[in-house]
Amino acid sequence: MWTMGYGNFLSSPLKDLDLSYVCAKITLVGIPNDVNVLYHVFSSLAAESINVDMIVQAGTVGEITDLTFTVTQEELEPALGTIAKVQGDQKRQVLCDENVAKISIVGAGMMTNPGVAAGMFEALNAENIPVFVVSTSEIKVSCLVPRANYQRAVQACHRKFGLDSAK
């Protein structure tokens, strides 16, 4: 991952465009909606020194949920091995996608400038770039996009947020 700094931190809602080209998405489908499961999954990955980036729990229906997270491509196989150990005999469906890239817009000004996330989605939509996962905080919006569309996604966000001159 690398960071490109742009603009004035205080006058612009965006400070950076964070880019991660080499990542993989793992989704655990139909797992119990229980914090103990989250603890076991992520503590087991940490014990194997596997760094996790985006984490999204979604699709919760009653006591069942889906859990998606990203790792580097280099850590994909070790992560899948660790997940298999954590599951033990309770095998659940595990989906994996190595053909994704992460693009994030970052800036403290996002907290006081409504519509920044909408602007990112507008830029990606204008280029017909699918978004597989979205993760946010007060100062960051991250999207997983198809790796094949990565350069177009970066260029679209550059244009949308007036970052063209900083390429």
Foldseek 3Di string as FASTA:
>chain_A
DDWDADDDQPPALFGIKDKFLFKKKKKFFWDFQDVVLVCLLVVLCVVVVWDKDDWDWDPDDPGTTMIMIMGGNVCVVVSVVSVCVSCPPVDTDMDMDRQKIKIKTFGLSQLVDPCPVVLLVVLCVVVPWDWDDWDDDSTMIMTITGSVCRVSSVVSNCVSRVVVVVD
